[in-house]
Amino acid sequence: KEKARRAAEEARRLQEAKYGFRKKLIWLFVGIIAALALFIALYK
């Protein structure tokens, strides 16, 4: 039971790390788009 509990805890930690990386990637993409829009406005 202890082994199964540790395995479940490790799987949950890996899942959180995976979704955390995706969230960071999305925010990075949004930041790039916002910076590009700001650059175009200043250029015009």
ModelCIF file with pLDDT and N, C-alpha, C, O atoms, coordinates in Angstrom:
data_MODEL
#
_entry.id   MODEL 
#
_entity.id                         1 
_entity.type                       polymer 
_entity.pdbx_number_of_molecules   1 
#
_entity_poly.entity_id                      1 
_entity_poly.type                           'polypeptide(L)' 
_entity_poly.nstd_linkage                   no 
_entity_poly.nstd_monomer                   no 
_entity_poly.pdbx_seq_one_letter_code       KEKARRAAEEARRLQEAKYGFRKKLIWLFVGIIAALALFIALYK 
_entity_poly.pdbx_seq_one_letter_code_can   KEKARRAAEEARRLQEAKYGFRKKLIWLFVGIIAALALFIALYK 
_entity_poly.pdbx_strand_id                 A 
#
loop_
_entity_poly_seq.entity_id 
_entity_poly_seq.num 
_entity_poly_seq.mon_id 
_entity_poly_seq.hetero 
1 1  LYS n 
1 2  GLU n 
1 3  LYS n 
1 4  ALA n 
1 5  ARG n 
1 6  ARG n 
1 7  ALA n 
1 8  ALA n 
1 9  GLU n 
1 10 GLU n 
1 11 ALA n 
1 12 ARG n 
1 13 ARG n 
1 14 LEU n 
1 15 GLN n 
1 16 GLU n 
1 17 ALA n 
1 18 LYS n 
1 19 TYR n 
1 20 GLY n 
1 21 PHE n 
1 22 ARG n 
1 23 LYS n 
1 24 LYS n 
1 25 LEU n 
1 26 ILE n 
1 27 TRP n 
1 28 LEU n 
1 29 PHE n 
1 30 VAL n 
1 31 GLY n 
1 32 ILE n 
1 33 ILE n 
1 34 ALA n 
1 35 ALA n 
1 36 LEU n 
1 37 ALA n 
1 38 LEU n 
1 39 PHE n 
1 40 ILE n 
1 41 ALA n 
1 42 LEU n 
1 43 TYR n 
1 44 LYS n 
#
_struct_asym.id          A 
_struct_asym.entity_id   1 
#
loop_
_ma_qa_metric.id 
_ma_qa_metric.mode 
_ma_qa_metric.name 
_ma_qa_metric.software_group_id 
_ma_qa_metric.type 
1 global pLDDT . pLDDT 
2 local  pLDDT . pLDDT 
#
_ma_qa_metric_global.metric_id      1 
_ma_qa_metric_global.metric_value   84.68 
_ma_qa_metric_global.model_id       1 
_ma_qa_metric_global.ordinal_id     1 
#
loop_
_ma_qa_metric_local.label_asym_id 
_ma_qa_metric_local.label_comp_id 
_ma_qa_metric_local.label_seq_id 
_ma_qa_metric_local.metric_id 
_ma_qa_metric_local.metric_value 
_ma_qa_metric_local.model_id 
_ma_qa_metric_local.ordinal_id 
A LYS 1  2 76.00 1 1  
A GLU 2  2 78.00 1 2  
A LYS 3  2 81.00 1 3  
A ALA 4  2 84.00 1 4  
A ARG 5  2 82.00 1 5  
A ARG 6  2 84.00 1 6  
A ALA 7  2 87.00 1 7  
A ALA 8  2 88.00 1 8  
A GLU 9  2 85.00 1 9  
A GLU 10 2 85.00 1 10 
A ALA 11 2 87.00 1 11 
A ARG 12 2 83.00 1 12 
A ARG 13 2 83.00 1 13 
A LEU 14 2 82.00 1 14 
A GLN 15 2 79.00 1 15 
A GLU 16 2 78.00 1 16 
A ALA 17 2 79.00 1 17 
A LYS 18 2 75.00 1 18 
A TYR 19 2 77.00 1 19 
A GLY 20 2 77.00 1 20 
A PHE 21 2 77.00 1 21 
A ARG 22 2 80.00 1 22 
A LYS 23 2 81.00 1 23 
A LYS 24 2 83.00 1 24 
A LEU 25 2 83.00 1 25 
A ILE 26 2 89.00 1 26 
A TRP 27 2 88.00 1 27 
A LEU 28 2 89.00 1 28 
A PHE 29 2 87.00 1 29 
A VAL 30 2 91.00 1 30 
A GLY 31 2 91.00 1 31 
A ILE 32 2 93.00 1 32 
A ILE 33 2 93.00 1 33 
A ALA 34 2 92.00 1 34 
A ALA 35 2 92.00 1 35 
A LEU 36 2 89.00 1 36 
A ALA 37 2 92.00 1 37 
A LEU 38 2 89.00 1 38 
A PHE 39 2 88.00 1 39 
A ILE 40 2 90.00 1 40 
A ALA 41 2 87.00 1 41 
A LEU 42 2 86.00 1 42 
A TYR 43 2 84.00 1 43 
A LYS 44 2 82.00 1 44 
#
loop_
_atom_site.group_PDB 
_atom_site.id 
_atom_site.type_symbol 
_atom_site.label_atom_id 
_atom_site.label_alt_id 
_atom_site.label_comp_id 
_atom_site.label_asym_id 
_atom_site.label_entity_id 
_atom_site.label_seq_id 
_atom_site.pdbx_PDB_ins_code 
_atom_site.Cartn_x 
_atom_site.Cartn_y 
_atom_site.Cartn_z 
_atom_site.occupancy 
_atom_site.B_iso_or_equiv 
_atom_site.pdbx_formal_charge 
_atom_site.auth_seq_id 
_atom_site.auth_comp_id 
_atom_site.auth_asym_id 
_atom_site.auth_atom_id 
_atom_site.pdbx_PDB_model_num 
ATOM 1   N N  . LYS A 1 1  ? 0.825 -1.206 0.000   1.00 76.00 ? 1  LYS A N  1 
ATOM 2   C CA . LYS A 1 1  ? 0.000 0.000  0.000   1.00 76.00 ? 1  LYS A CA 1 
ATOM 3   C C  . LYS A 1 1  ? 0.860 1.257  0.000   1.00 76.00 ? 1  LYS A C  1 
ATOM 4   O O  . LYS A 1 1  ? 0.563 2.232  -0.691  1.00 76.00 ? 1  LYS A O  1 
ATOM 5   N N  . GLU A 1 2  ? 1.941 1.216  0.795   1.00 78.00 ? 2  GLU A N  1 
ATOM 6   C CA . GLU A 1 2  ? 2.834 2.363  0.835   1.00 78.00 ? 2  GLU A CA 1 
ATOM 7   C C  . GLU A 1 2  ? 3.499 2.581  -0.519  1.00 78.00 ? 2  GLU A C  1 
ATOM 8   O O  . GLU A 1 2  ? 3.680 3.714  -0.965  1.00 78.00 ? 2  GLU A O  1 
ATOM 9   N N  . LYS A 1 3  ? 3.856 1.485  -1.157  1.00 81.00 ? 3  LYS A N  1 
ATOM 10  C CA . LYS A 1 3  ? 4.462 1.584  -2.478  1.00 81.00 ? 3  LYS A CA 1 
ATOM 11  C C  . LYS A 1 3  ? 3.482 2.158  -3.500  1.00 81.00 ? 3  LYS A C  1 
ATOM 12  O O  . LYS A 1 3  ? 3.853 2.991  -4.326  1.00 81.00 ? 3  LYS A O  1 
ATOM 13  N N  . ALA A 1 4  ? 2.220 1.702  -3.436  1.00 84.00 ? 4  ALA A N  1 
ATOM 14  C CA . ALA A 1 4  ? 1.202 2.217  -4.357  1.00 84.00 ? 4  ALA A CA 1 
ATOM 15  C C  . ALA A 1 4  ? 0.944 3.701  -4.107  1.00 84.00 ? 4  ALA A C  1 
ATOM 16  O O  . ALA A 1 4  ? 0.744 4.474  -5.044  1.00 84.00 ? 4  ALA A O  1 
ATOM 17  N N  . ARG A 1 5  ? 0.951 4.098  -2.796  1.00 82.00 ? 5  ARG A N  1 
ATOM 18  C CA . ARG A 1 5  ? 0.718 5.500  -2.473  1.00 82.00 ? 5  ARG A CA 1 
ATOM 19  C C  . ARG A 1 5  ? 1.842 6.382  -3.012  1.00 82.00 ? 5  ARG A C  1 
ATOM 20  O O  . ARG A 1 5  ? 1.596 7.464  -3.544  1.00 82.00 ? 5  ARG A O  1 
ATOM 21  N N  . ARG A 1 6  ? 3.073 5.906  -2.866  1.00 84.00 ? 6  ARG A N  1 
ATOM 22  C CA . ARG A 1 6  ? 4.205 6.674  -3.382  1.00 84.00 ? 6  ARG A CA 1 
ATOM 23  C C  . ARG A 1 6  ? 4.152 6.783  -4.903  1.00 84.00 ? 6  ARG A C  1 
ATOM 24  O O  . ARG A 1 6  ? 4.471 7.827  -5.473  1.00 84.00 ? 6  ARG A O  1 
ATOM 25  N N  . ALA A 1 7  ? 3.743 5.686  -5.555  1.00 87.00 ? 7  ALA A N  1 
ATOM 26  C CA . ALA A 1 7  ? 3.636 5.725  -7.021  1.00 87.00 ? 7  ALA A CA 1 
ATOM 27  C C  . ALA A 1 7  ? 2.577 6.724  -7.466  1.00 87.00 ? 7  ALA A C  1 
ATOM 28  O O  . ALA A 1 7  ? 2.779 7.461  -8.432  1.00 87.00 ? 7  ALA A O  1 
ATOM 29  N N  . ALA A 1 8  ? 1.427 6.749  -6.750  1.00 88.00 ? 8  ALA A N  1 
ATOM 30  C CA . ALA A 1 8  ? 0.376 7.704  -7.093  1.00 88.00 ? 8  ALA A CA 1 
ATOM 31  C C  . ALA A 1 8  ? 0.839 9.140  -6.860  1.00 88.00 ? 8  ALA A C  1 
ATOM 32  O O  . ALA A 1 8  ? 0.536 10.032 -7.652  1.00 88.00 ? 8  ALA A O  1 
ATOM 33  N N  . GLU A 1 9  ? 1.580 9.359  -5.763  1.00 85.00 ? 9  GLU A N  1 
ATOM 34  C CA . GLU A 1 9  ? 2.090 10.691 -5.477  1.00 85.00 ? 9  GLU A CA 1 
ATOM 35  C C  . GLU A 1 9  ? 3.075 11.146 -6.543  1.00 85.00 ? 9  GLU A C  1 
ATOM 36  O O  . GLU A 1 9  ? 3.072 12.309 -6.949  1.00 85.00 ? 9  GLU A O  1 
ATOM 37  N N  . GLU A 1 10 ? 3.918 10.221 -6.995  1.00 85.00 ? 10 GLU A N  1 
ATOM 38  C CA . GLU A 1 10 ? 4.890 10.561 -8.033  1.00 85.00 ? 10 GLU A CA 1 
ATOM 39  C C  . GLU A 1 10 ? 4.204 10.871 -9.359  1.00 85.00 ? 10 GLU A C  1 
ATOM 40  O O  . GLU A 1 10 ? 4.609 11.783 -10.078 1.00 85.00 ? 10 GLU A O  1 
ATOM 41  N N  . ALA A 1 11 ? 3.147 10.094 -9.680  1.00 87.00 ? 11 ALA A N  1 
ATOM 42  C CA . ALA A 1 11 ? 2.401 10.352 -10.922 1.00 87.00 ? 11 ALA A CA 1 
ATOM 43  C C  . ALA A 1 11 ? 1.716 11.712 -10.869 1.00 87.00 ? 11 ALA A C  1 
ATOM 44  O O  . ALA A 1 11 ? 1.693 12.442 -11.861 1.00 87.00 ? 11 ALA A O  1 
ATOM 45  N N  . ARG A 1 12 ? 1.149 12.056 -9.685  1.00 83.00 ? 12 ARG A N  1 
ATOM 46  C CA . ARG A 1 12 ? 0.494 13.361 -9.546  1.00 83.00 ? 12 ARG A CA 1 
ATOM 47  C C  . ARG A 1 12 ? 1.496 14.502 -9.693  1.00 83.00 ? 12 ARG A C  1 
ATOM 48  O O  . ARG A 1 12 ? 1.198 15.525 -10.309 1.00 83.00 ? 12 ARG A O  1 
ATOM 49  N N  . ARG A 1 13 ? 2.686 14.318 -9.121  1.00 83.00 ? 13 ARG A N  1 
ATOM 50  C CA . ARG A 1 13 ? 3.714 15.356 -9.218  1.00 83.00 ? 13 ARG A CA 1 
ATOM 51  C C  . ARG A 1 13 ? 4.160 15.557 -10.663 1.00 83.00 ? 13 ARG A C  1 
ATOM 52  O O  . ARG A 1 13 ? 4.341 16.687 -11.115 1.00 83.00 ? 13 ARG A O  1 
ATOM 53  N N  . LEU A 1 14 ? 4.336 14.440 -11.388 1.00 82.00 ? 14 LEU A N  1 
ATOM 54  C CA . LEU A 1 14 ? 4.717 14.544 -12.797 1.00 82.00 ? 14 LEU A CA 1 
ATOM 55  C C  . LEU A 1 14 ? 3.621 15.230 -13.621 1.00 82.00 ? 14 LEU A C  1 
ATOM 56  O O  . LEU A 1 14 ? 3.909 16.016 -14.524 1.00 82.00 ? 14 LEU A O  1 
ATOM 57  N N  . GLN A 1 15 ? 2.342 14.914 -13.293 1.00 79.00 ? 15 GLN A N  1 
ATOM 58  C CA . GLN A 1 15 ? 1.231 15.539 -14.027 1.00 79.00 ? 15 GLN A CA 1 
ATOM 59  C C  . GLN A 1 15 ? 1.202 17.042 -13.777 1.00 79.00 ? 15 GLN A C  1 
ATOM 60  O O  . GLN A 1 15 ? 0.997 17.829 -14.701 1.00 79.00 ? 15 GLN A O  1 
ATOM 61  N N  . GLU A 1 16 ? 1.409 17.435 -12.517 1.00 78.00 ? 16 GLU A N  1 
ATOM 62  C CA . GLU A 1 16 ? 1.426 18.864 -12.208 1.00 78.00 ? 16 GLU A CA 1 
ATOM 63  C C  . GLU A 1 16 ? 2.582 19.569 -12.910 1.00 78.00 ? 16 GLU A C  1 
ATOM 64  O O  . GLU A 1 16 ? 2.432 20.689 -13.399 1.00 78.00 ? 16 GLU A O  1 
ATOM 65  N N  . ALA A 1 17 ? 3.735 18.904 -12.955 1.00 79.00 ? 17 ALA A N  1 
ATOM 66  C CA . ALA A 1 17 ? 4.879 19.503 -13.640 1.00 79.00 ? 17 ALA A CA 1 
ATOM 67  C C  . ALA A 1 17 ? 4.611 19.649 -15.133 1.00 79.00 ? 17 ALA A C  1 
ATOM 68  O O  . ALA A 1 17 ? 5.007 20.635 -15.755 1.00 79.00 ? 17 ALA A O  1 
ATOM 69  N N  . LYS A 1 18 ? 3.926 18.647 -15.702 1.00 75.00 ? 18 LYS A N  1 
ATOM 70  C CA . LYS A 1 18 ? 3.621 18.688 -17.133 1.00 75.00 ? 18 LYS A CA 1 
ATOM 71  C C  . LYS A 1 18 ? 2.682 19.843 -17.453 1.00 75.00 ? 18 LYS A C  1 
ATOM 72  O O  . LYS A 1 18 ? 2.928 20.605 -18.388 1.00 75.00 ? 18 LYS A O  1 
ATOM 73  N N  . TYR A 1 19 ? 1.588 19.978 -16.666 1.00 77.00 ? 19 TYR A N  1 
ATOM 74  C CA . TYR A 1 19 ? 0.634 21.057 -16.921 1.00 77.00 ? 19 TYR A CA 1 
ATOM 75  C C  . TYR A 1 19 ? 1.243 22.415 -16.572 1.00 77.00 ? 19 TYR A C  1 
ATOM 76  O O  . TYR A 1 19 ? 0.919 23.422 -17.200 1.00 77.00 ? 19 TYR A O  1 
ATOM 77  N N  . GLY A 1 20 ? 2.131 22.442 -15.563 1.00 77.00 ? 20 GLY A N  1 
ATOM 78  C CA . GLY A 1 20 ? 2.797 23.693 -15.257 1.00 77.00 ? 20 GLY A CA 1 
ATOM 79  C C  . GLY A 1 20 ? 3.665 24.180 -16.408 1.00 77.00 ? 20 GLY A C  1 
ATOM 80  O O  . GLY A 1 20 ? 3.729 25.378 -16.682 1.00 77.00 ? 20 GLY A O  1 
ATOM 81  N N  . PHE A 1 21 ? 4.326 23.253 -17.077 1.00 77.00 ? 21 PHE A N  1 
ATOM 82  C CA . PHE A 1 21 ? 5.147 23.622 -18.236 1.00 77.00 ? 21 PHE A CA 1 
ATOM 83  C C  . PHE A 1 21 ? 4.256 24.146 -19.367 1.00 77.00 ? 21 PHE A C  1 
ATOM 84  O O  . PHE A 1 21 ? 4.602 25.120 -20.035 1.00 77.00 ? 21 PHE A O  1 
ATOM 85  N N  . ARG A 1 22 ? 3.134 23.508 -19.572 1.00 80.00 ? 22 ARG A N  1 
ATOM 86  C CA . ARG A 1 22 ? 2.216 23.982 -20.625 1.00 80.00 ? 22 ARG A CA 1 
ATOM 87  C C  . ARG A 1 22 ? 1.708 25.382 -20.308 1.00 80.00 ? 22 ARG A C  1 
ATOM 88  O O  . ARG A 1 22 ? 1.608 26.232 -21.193 1.00 80.00 ? 22 ARG A O  1 
ATOM 89  N N  . LYS A 1 23 ? 1.385 25.617 -19.021 1.00 81.00 ? 23 LYS A N  1 
ATOM 90  C CA . LYS A 1 23 ? 0.880 26.929 -18.650 1.00 81.00 ? 23 LYS A CA 1 
ATOM 91  C C  . LYS A 1 23 ? 1.942 28.006 -18.896 1.00 81.00 ? 23 LYS A C  1 
ATOM 92  O O  . LYS A 1 23 ? 1.638 29.091 -19.392 1.00 81.00 ? 23 LYS A O  1 
ATOM 93  N N  . LYS A 1 24 ? 3.181 27.689 -18.544 1.00 83.00 ? 24 LYS A N  1 
ATOM 94  C CA . LYS A 1 24 ? 4.254 28.652 -18.777 1.00 83.00 ? 24 LYS A CA 1 
ATOM 95  C C  . LYS A 1 24 ? 4.434 28.907 -20.269 1.00 83.00 ? 24 LYS A C  1 
ATOM 96  O O  . LYS A 1 24 ? 4.677 30.040 -20.684 1.00 83.00 ? 24 LYS A O  1 
ATOM 97  N N  . LEU A 1 25 ? 4.315 27.849 -21.078 1.00 83.00 ? 25 LEU A N  1 
ATOM 98  C CA . LEU A 1 25 ? 4.459 27.996 -22.524 1.00 83.00 ? 25 LEU A CA 1 
ATOM 99  C C  . LEU A 1 25 ? 3.350 28.880 -23.104 1.00 83.00 ? 25 LEU A C  1 
ATOM 100 O O  . LEU A 1 25 ? 3.598 29.689 -23.998 1.00 83.00 ? 25 LEU A O  1 
ATOM 101 N N  . ILE A 1 26 ? 2.126 28.720 -22.591 1.00 89.00 ? 26 ILE A N  1 
ATOM 102 C CA . ILE A 1 26 ? 1.004 29.539 -23.079 1.00 89.00 ? 26 ILE A CA 1 
ATOM 103 C C  . ILE A 1 26 ? 1.227 31.001 -22.735 1.00 89.00 ? 26 ILE A C  1 
ATOM 104 O O  . ILE A 1 26 ? 1.032 31.882 -23.573 1.00 89.00 ? 26 ILE A O  1 
ATOM 105 N N  . TRP A 1 27 ? 1.641 31.259 -21.485 1.00 88.00 ? 27 TRP A N  1 
ATOM 106 C CA . TRP A 1 27 ? 1.889 32.644 -21.096 1.00 88.00 ? 27 TRP A CA 1 
ATOM 107 C C  . TRP A 1 27 ? 3.023 33.269 -21.919 1.00 88.00 ? 27 TRP A C  1 
ATOM 108 O O  . TRP A 1 27 ? 2.977 34.453 -22.255 1.00 88.00 ? 27 TRP A O  1 
ATOM 109 N N  . LEU A 1 28 ? 4.035 32.465 -22.238 1.00 89.00 ? 28 LEU A N  1 
ATOM 110 C CA . LEU A 1 28 ? 5.118 32.963 -23.061 1.00 89.00 ? 28 LEU A CA 1 
ATOM 111 C C  . LEU A 1 28 ? 4.621 33.332 -24.455 1.00 89.00 ? 28 LEU A C  1 
ATOM 112 O O  . LEU A 1 28 ? 5.011 34.359 -25.010 1.00 89.00 ? 28 LEU A O  1 
ATOM 113 N N  . PHE A 1 29 ? 3.752 32.482 -25.017 1.00 87.00 ? 29 PHE A N  1 
ATOM 114 C CA . PHE A 1 29 ? 3.201 32.742 -26.343 1.00 87.00 ? 29 PHE A CA 1 
ATOM 115 C C  . PHE A 1 29 ? 2.352 34.012 -26.337 1.00 87.00 ? 29 PHE A C  1 
ATOM 116 O O  . PHE A 1 29 ? 2.433 34.820 -27.263 1.00 87.00 ? 29 PHE A O  1 
ATOM 117 N N  . VAL A 1 30 ? 1.527 34.191 -25.281 1.00 91.00 ? 30 VAL A N  1 
ATOM 118 C CA . VAL A 1 30 ? 0.703 35.400 -25.181 1.00 91.00 ? 30 VAL A CA 1 
ATOM 119 C C  . VAL A 1 30 ? 1.584 36.636 -25.059 1.00 91.00 ? 30 VAL A C  1 
ATOM 120 O O  . VAL A 1 30 ? 1.293 37.671 -25.658 1.00 91.00 ? 30 VAL A O  1 
ATOM 121 N N  . GLY A 1 31 ? 2.656 36.530 -24.288 1.00 91.00 ? 31 GLY A N  1 
ATOM 122 C CA . GLY A 1 31 ? 3.559 37.667 -24.148 1.00 91.00 ? 31 GLY A CA 1 
ATOM 123 C C  . GLY A 1 31 ? 4.224 38.039 -25.460 1.00 91.00 ? 31 GLY A C  1 
ATOM 124 O O  . GLY A 1 31 ? 4.401 39.220 -25.757 1.00 91.00 ? 31 GLY A O  1 
ATOM 125 N N  . ILE A 1 32 ? 4.598 37.026 -26.254 1.00 93.00 ? 32 ILE A N  1 
ATOM 126 C CA . ILE A 1 32 ? 5.224 37.309 -27.541 1.00 93.00 ? 32 ILE A CA 1 
ATOM 127 C C  . ILE A 1 32 ? 4.254 38.024 -28.473 1.00 93.00 ? 32 ILE A C  1 
ATOM 128 O O  . ILE A 1 32 ? 4.632 38.964 -29.172 1.00 93.00 ? 32 ILE A O  1 
ATOM 129 N N  . ILE A 1 33 ? 2.981 37.566 -28.478 1.00 93.00 ? 33 ILE A N  1 
ATOM 130 C CA . ILE A 1 33 ? 1.981 38.197 -29.346 1.00 93.00 ? 33 ILE A CA 1 
ATOM 131 C C  . ILE A 1 33 ? 1.742 39.642 -28.914 1.00 93.00 ? 33 ILE A C  1 
ATOM 132 O O  . ILE A 1 33 ? 1.650 40.536 -29.755 1.00 93.00 ? 33 ILE A O  1 
ATOM 133 N N  . ALA A 1 34 ? 1.641 39.877 -27.582 1.00 92.00 ? 34 ALA A N  1 
ATOM 134 C CA . ALA A 1 34 ? 1.417 41.237 -27.099 1.00 92.00 ? 34 ALA A CA 1 
ATOM 135 C C  . ALA A 1 34 ? 2.587 42.148 -27.458 1.00 92.00 ? 34 ALA A C  1 
ATOM 136 O O  . ALA A 1 34 ? 2.385 43.296 -27.855 1.00 92.00 ? 34 ALA A O  1 
ATOM 137 N N  . ALA A 1 35 ? 3.820 41.632 -27.318 1.00 92.00 ? 35 ALA A N  1 
ATOM 138 C CA . ALA A 1 35 ? 4.989 42.439 -27.672 1.00 92.00 ? 35 ALA A CA 1 
ATOM 139 C C  . ALA A 1 35 ? 5.015 42.755 -29.156 1.00 92.00 ? 35 ALA A C  1 
ATOM 140 O O  . ALA A 1 35 ? 5.375 43.863 -29.555 1.00 92.00 ? 35 ALA A O  1 
ATOM 141 N N  . LEU A 1 36 ? 4.627 41.768 -29.989 1.00 89.00 ? 36 LEU A N  1 
ATOM 142 C CA . LEU A 1 36 ? 4.592 41.994 -31.429 1.00 89.00 ? 36 LEU A CA 1 
ATOM 143 C C  . LEU A 1 36 ? 3.551 43.049 -31.801 1.00 89.00 ? 36 LEU A C  1 
ATOM 144 O O  . LEU A 1 36 ? 3.799 43.900 -32.655 1.00 89.00 ? 36 LEU A O  1 
ATOM 145 N N  . ALA A 1 37 ? 2.369 42.989 -31.146 1.00 92.00 ? 37 ALA A N  1 
ATOM 146 C CA . ALA A 1 37 ? 1.333 43.987 -31.427 1.00 92.00 ? 37 ALA A CA 1 
ATOM 147 C C  . ALA A 1 37 ? 1.789 45.379 -31.013 1.00 92.00 ? 37 ALA A C  1 
ATOM 148 O O  . ALA A 1 37 ? 1.544 46.355 -31.723 1.00 92.00 ? 37 ALA A O  1 
ATOM 149 N N  . LEU A 1 38 ? 2.453 45.470 -29.863 1.00 89.00 ? 38 LEU A N  1 
ATOM 150 C CA . LEU A 1 38 ? 2.949 46.765 -29.406 1.00 89.00 ? 38 LEU A CA 1 
ATOM 151 C C  . LEU A 1 38 ? 4.008 47.308 -30.355 1.00 89.00 ? 38 LEU A C  1 
ATOM 152 O O  . LEU A 1 38 ? 4.042 48.508 -30.627 1.00 89.00 ? 38 LEU A O  1 
ATOM 153 N N  . PHE A 1 39 ? 4.878 46.425 -30.865 1.00 88.00 ? 39 PHE A N  1 
ATOM 154 C CA . PHE A 1 39 ? 5.908 46.858 -31.805 1.00 88.00 ? 39 PHE A CA 1 
ATOM 155 C C  . PHE A 1 39 ? 5.301 47.384 -33.092 1.00 88.00 ? 39 PHE A C  1 
ATOM 156 O O  . PHE A 1 39 ? 5.756 48.399 -33.620 1.00 88.00 ? 39 PHE A O  1 
ATOM 157 N N  . ILE A 1 40 ? 4.279 46.710 -33.605 1.00 90.00 ? 40 ILE A N  1 
ATOM 158 C CA . ILE A 1 40 ? 3.629 47.155 -34.842 1.00 90.00 ? 40 ILE A CA 1 
ATOM 159 C C  . ILE A 1 40 ? 2.975 48.520 -34.638 1.00 90.00 ? 40 ILE A C  1 
ATOM 160 O O  . ILE A 1 40 ? 3.066 49.392 -35.502 1.00 90.00 ? 40 ILE A O  1 
ATOM 161 N N  . ALA A 1 41 ? 2.303 48.706 -33.471 1.00 87.00 ? 41 ALA A N  1 
ATOM 162 C CA . ALA A 1 41 ? 1.655 49.996 -33.213 1.00 87.00 ? 41 ALA A CA 1 
ATOM 163 C C  . ALA A 1 41 ? 2.675 51.123 -33.128 1.00 87.00 ? 41 ALA A C  1 
ATOM 164 O O  . ALA A 1 41 ? 2.453 52.201 -33.680 1.00 87.00 ? 41 ALA A O  1 
ATOM 165 N N  . LEU A 1 42 ? 3.798 50.885 -32.438 1.00 86.00 ? 42 LEU A N  1 
ATOM 166 C CA . LEU A 1 42 ? 4.823 51.918 -32.337 1.00 86.00 ? 42 LEU A CA 1 
ATOM 167 C C  . LEU A 1 42 ? 5.473 52.198 -33.685 1.00 86.00 ? 42 LEU A C  1 
ATOM 168 O O  . LEU A 1 42 ? 5.824 53.338 -33.990 1.00 86.00 ? 42 LEU A O  1 
ATOM 169 N N  . TYR A 1 43 ? 5.631 51.154 -34.485 1.00 84.00 ? 43 TYR A N  1 
ATOM 170 C CA . TYR A 1 43 ? 6.228 51.331 -35.811 1.00 84.00 ? 43 TYR A CA 1 
ATOM 171 C C  . TYR A 1 43 ? 5.348 52.216 -36.682 1.00 84.00 ? 43 TYR A C  1 
ATOM 172 O O  . TYR A 1 43 ? 5.837 53.119 -37.361 1.00 84.00 ? 43 TYR A O  1 
ATOM 173 N N  . LYS A 1 44 ? 4.038 51.948 -36.656 1.00 82.00 ? 44 LYS A N  1 
ATOM 174 C CA . LYS A 1 44 ? 3.128 52.771 -37.458 1.00 82.00 ? 44 LYS A CA 1 
ATOM 175 C C  . LYS A 1 44 ? 3.087 54.211 -36.943 1.00 82.00 ? 44 LYS A C  1 
ATOM 176 O O  . LYS A 1 44 ? 2.372 55.045 -37.498 1.00 82.00 ? 44 LYS A O  1 
#
